[in-house]
Amino acid sequence: MGSNPVLEHHPSIISHTWEDILCLSKIRKNTKTDYERKLLFKYIVVELRSIVEQLEKLQGIIFTIIKGEPKNKVPKGYISEPEAEEIKSLFKKYHITKKDVEKDIIEIRNNIGAHRGNQPWVNIMELWDKLEPETFKPLLIVIPELFEAITKLDIYDWTRIPEEGSIEICCSGLNWP
């Protein structure tokens, strides 16, 4: 039995990226100008996009275990029926919440965040105007709830390293048959 190095890092990436979001939020609280606060929040949105991408991949792994198909691709692990129902419900809540802001997250990341698109100035200003934390707050609330449920599943070897107000998870990865 070996591990799949591509899959074993999703939870670790999510937890470390969440740490980055918490750190940026802490720094943001101590900034004075509107511009600085928006600038820092822009990078929170970029990190949020990274978490969303990893959660999508992790969802695929989890649902493969739940369905048990295809047999040759099912990672080692066990998810009980009550756990499956809970995780399905949380992913549904996550997707409903994400749907409201996903387009903005992608546009912010691709046009003023991680990349600088060749956009008309008016479009750039519209994206900067969307950098309001309240808009993204529901997603920032649902992600830790979902991630906490994921960490309780019997699909990883977990070691918790808690820090103040954070989710810090390290794992050895999924073992593939």
Protein backbone atom coordinates (compact mmCIF):
# COMPACT_ATOMS: atom_id res chain seq x y z
CA MET A 1 0.00 0.00 0.00
CA GLY A 2 1.27 3.43 -0.90
CA SER A 3 -0.02 6.92 -0.54
CA ASN A 4 -1.11 9.26 -3.26
CA PRO A 5 1.05 12.39 -2.83
CA VAL A 6 -1.38 14.51 -4.84
CA LEU A 7 -4.28 13.75 -2.49
CA GLU A 8 -2.52 13.65 0.84
CA HIS A 9 -1.92 17.38 1.03
CA HIS A 10 -5.44 18.82 0.59
CA PRO A 11 -6.30 19.09 4.31
CA SER A 12 -2.85 20.40 5.14
CA ILE A 13 -3.09 23.03 2.40
CA ILE A 14 -6.53 24.07 3.66
CA SER A 15 -5.40 24.37 7.28
CA HIS A 16 -2.25 26.33 6.43
CA THR A 17 -4.16 28.62 4.07
CA TRP A 18 -6.75 29.19 6.81
CA GLU A 19 -3.88 30.17 9.12
CA ASP A 20 -2.82 32.72 6.48
CA ILE A 21 -6.36 34.12 6.39
CA LEU A 22 -6.42 34.43 10.19
CA CYS A 23 -3.03 36.16 10.17
CA LEU A 24 -4.10 38.59 7.44
CA SER A 25 -7.33 39.28 9.36
CA LYS A 26 -5.35 40.06 12.50
CA ILE A 27 -3.07 42.44 10.61
CA ARG A 28 -6.10 44.00 8.90
CA LYS A 29 -7.71 44.79 12.26
CA ASN A 30 -4.73 46.95 13.15
CA THR A 31 -4.60 48.94 9.92
CA LYS A 32 -5.88 52.48 9.84
CA THR A 33 -6.72 53.38 6.25
CA ASP A 34 -9.52 52.07 4.10
CA TYR A 35 -7.05 51.37 1.30
CA GLU A 36 -4.82 49.22 3.55
CA ARG A 37 -7.83 47.31 4.86
CA LYS A 38 -9.11 46.61 1.35
CA LEU A 39 -5.64 45.66 0.15
CA LEU A 40 -5.30 43.11 2.94
CA PHE A 41 -8.82 41.81 2.36
CA LYS A 42 -7.99 41.37 -1.32
CA TYR A 43 -5.31 38.88 -0.28
CA ILE A 44 -7.76 37.16 2.05
CA VAL A 45 -10.01 36.64 -0.98
CA VAL A 46 -7.07 35.20 -2.95
CA GLU A 47 -6.41 32.74 -0.10
CA LEU A 48 -10.13 31.98 0.13
CA ARG A 49 -10.06 30.92 -3.53
CA SER A 50 -7.25 28.49 -2.74
CA ILE A 51 -9.32 26.93 0.04
CA VAL A 52 -12.36 26.62 -2.22
CA GLU A 53 -10.25 24.81 -4.84
CA GLN A 54 -8.89 22.36 -2.25
CA LEU A 55 -12.34 21.72 -0.75
CA GLU A 56 -13.64 20.80 -4.20
CA LYS A 57 -10.87 18.19 -4.58
CA LEU A 58 -11.42 16.89 -1.06
CA GLN A 59 -15.15 16.59 -1.70
CA GLY A 60 -14.42 14.31 -4.64
CA ILE A 61 -12.33 12.04 -2.42
CA ILE A 62 -14.94 11.96 0.34
CA PHE A 63 -17.82 11.20 -2.01
CA THR A 64 -15.80 8.44 -3.67
CA ILE A 65 -15.45 6.82 -0.24
CA ILE A 66 -19.16 7.30 0.53
CA LYS A 67 -20.28 5.82 -2.80
CA GLY A 68 -17.61 3.11 -2.82
CA GLU A 69 -17.27 3.51 -6.59
CA PRO A 70 -15.30 3.01 -8.69
CA LYS A 71 -13.92 0.11 -6.66
CA ASN A 72 -10.35 0.50 -7.93
CA LYS A 73 -10.29 4.21 -7.01
CA VAL A 74 -11.79 4.12 -3.51
CA PRO A 75 -9.30 5.46 -0.95
CA LYS A 76 -8.81 3.59 2.30
CA GLY A 77 -11.14 4.80 5.01
CA TYR A 78 -14.62 4.46 6.41
CA ILE A 79 -17.49 6.93 6.60
CA SER A 80 -20.57 5.81 8.53
CA GLU A 81 -24.09 6.56 7.32
CA PRO A 82 -24.66 9.31 9.96
CA GLU A 83 -21.28 10.86 9.07
CA ALA A 84 -22.15 10.67 5.38
CA GLU A 85 -25.46 12.44 5.97
CA GLU A 86 -23.79 15.14 8.06
CA ILE A 87 -21.00 15.74 5.54
CA LYS A 88 -23.46 15.82 2.62
CA SER A 89 -25.55 18.39 4.50
CA LEU A 90 -22.49 20.53 5.28
CA PHE A 91 -21.23 20.39 1.70
CA LYS A 92 -24.71 21.42 0.52
CA LYS A 93 -24.69 24.38 2.93
CA TYR A 94 -21.15 25.24 1.77
CA HIS A 95 -22.10 25.16 -1.92
CA ILE A 96 -25.22 27.28 -1.40
CA THR A 97 -23.14 29.86 0.49
CA LYS A 98 -20.25 29.72 -1.98
CA LYS A 99 -22.60 30.20 -4.95
CA ASP A 100 -23.38 33.74 -3.78
CA VAL A 101 -19.75 34.90 -3.92
CA GLU A 102 -17.79 32.48 -6.10
CA LYS A 103 -17.93 34.63 -9.23
CA ASP A 104 -16.65 37.64 -7.27
CA ILE A 105 -13.89 35.56 -5.64
CA ILE A 106 -12.67 34.35 -9.04
CA GLU A 107 -12.87 37.81 -10.64
CA ILE A 108 -11.05 39.46 -7.73
CA ARG A 109 -8.33 36.81 -7.73
CA ASN A 110 -7.88 36.81 -11.50
CA ASN A 111 -8.10 40.54 -12.15
CA ILE A 112 -6.78 42.43 -9.11
CA GLY A 113 -5.43 39.73 -6.79
CA ALA A 114 -3.05 36.97 -7.80
CA HIS A 115 -3.13 38.13 -11.41
CA ARG A 116 -3.53 41.54 -12.97
CA GLY A 117 -5.81 41.37 -15.95
CA ASN A 118 -5.87 43.92 -18.71
CA GLN A 119 -9.18 45.33 -17.54
CA PRO A 120 -10.75 48.73 -18.13
CA TRP A 121 -10.28 50.99 -15.11
CA VAL A 122 -14.00 51.02 -14.34
CA ASN A 123 -13.97 47.20 -14.00
CA ILE A 124 -10.99 47.34 -11.67
CA MET A 125 -12.74 49.91 -9.48
CA GLU A 126 -15.89 47.77 -9.39
CA LEU A 127 -13.84 44.83 -8.15
CA TRP A 128 -12.19 46.97 -5.47
CA ASP A 129 -15.68 48.05 -4.38
CA LYS A 130 -16.59 44.37 -3.90
CA LEU A 131 -13.88 43.95 -1.27
CA GLU A 132 -16.33 44.15 1.62
CA PRO A 133 -15.86 41.46 4.28
CA GLU A 134 -19.58 41.26 5.09
CA THR A 135 -20.24 39.89 1.60
CA PHE A 136 -17.87 36.97 2.17
CA LYS A 137 -18.62 36.45 5.87
CA PRO A 138 -21.13 33.58 5.40
CA LEU A 139 -18.54 31.58 3.45
CA LEU A 140 -15.84 32.39 5.99
CA ILE A 141 -18.16 31.02 8.69
CA VAL A 142 -19.24 27.82 6.91
CA ILE A 143 -15.73 26.70 5.88
CA PRO A 144 -14.43 25.99 9.42
CA GLU A 145 -17.64 24.11 10.25
CA LEU A 146 -17.27 21.94 7.14
CA PHE A 147 -13.54 21.45 7.63
CA GLU A 148 -14.01 20.42 11.26
CA ALA A 149 -16.46 17.71 10.15
CA ILE A 150 -14.01 16.56 7.47
CA THR A 151 -11.22 16.22 10.02
CA LYS A 152 -13.38 13.88 12.10
CA LEU A 153 -13.80 11.40 9.25
CA ASP A 154 -11.86 8.15 9.42
CA ILE A 155 -9.94 8.75 6.21
CA TYR A 156 -6.73 10.31 7.48
CA ASP A 157 -4.22 9.95 10.27
CA TRP A 158 -4.71 13.26 12.05
CA THR A 159 -2.59 15.10 14.54
CA ARG A 160 -4.07 18.27 15.94
CA ILE A 161 -1.76 21.17 16.66
CA PRO A 162 -4.15 23.83 17.96
CA GLU A 163 -3.24 27.47 18.03
CA GLU A 164 -5.34 30.32 19.30
CA GLY A 165 -8.43 30.66 17.11
CA SER A 166 -7.15 28.41 14.36
CA ILE A 167 -7.57 25.02 12.82
CA GLU A 168 -4.20 23.38 12.46
CA ILE A 169 -4.28 19.89 11.03
CA CYS A 170 -1.44 17.74 9.80
CA CYS A 171 -2.03 14.43 8.15
CA SER A 172 -0.09 11.59 6.68
CA GLY A 173 -2.44 11.29 3.76
CA LEU A 174 -4.81 8.84 2.20
CA ASN A 175 -3.59 5.33 1.61
CA TRP A 176 -4.66 3.84 -1.67
CA PRO A 177 -5.10 0.08 -2.00
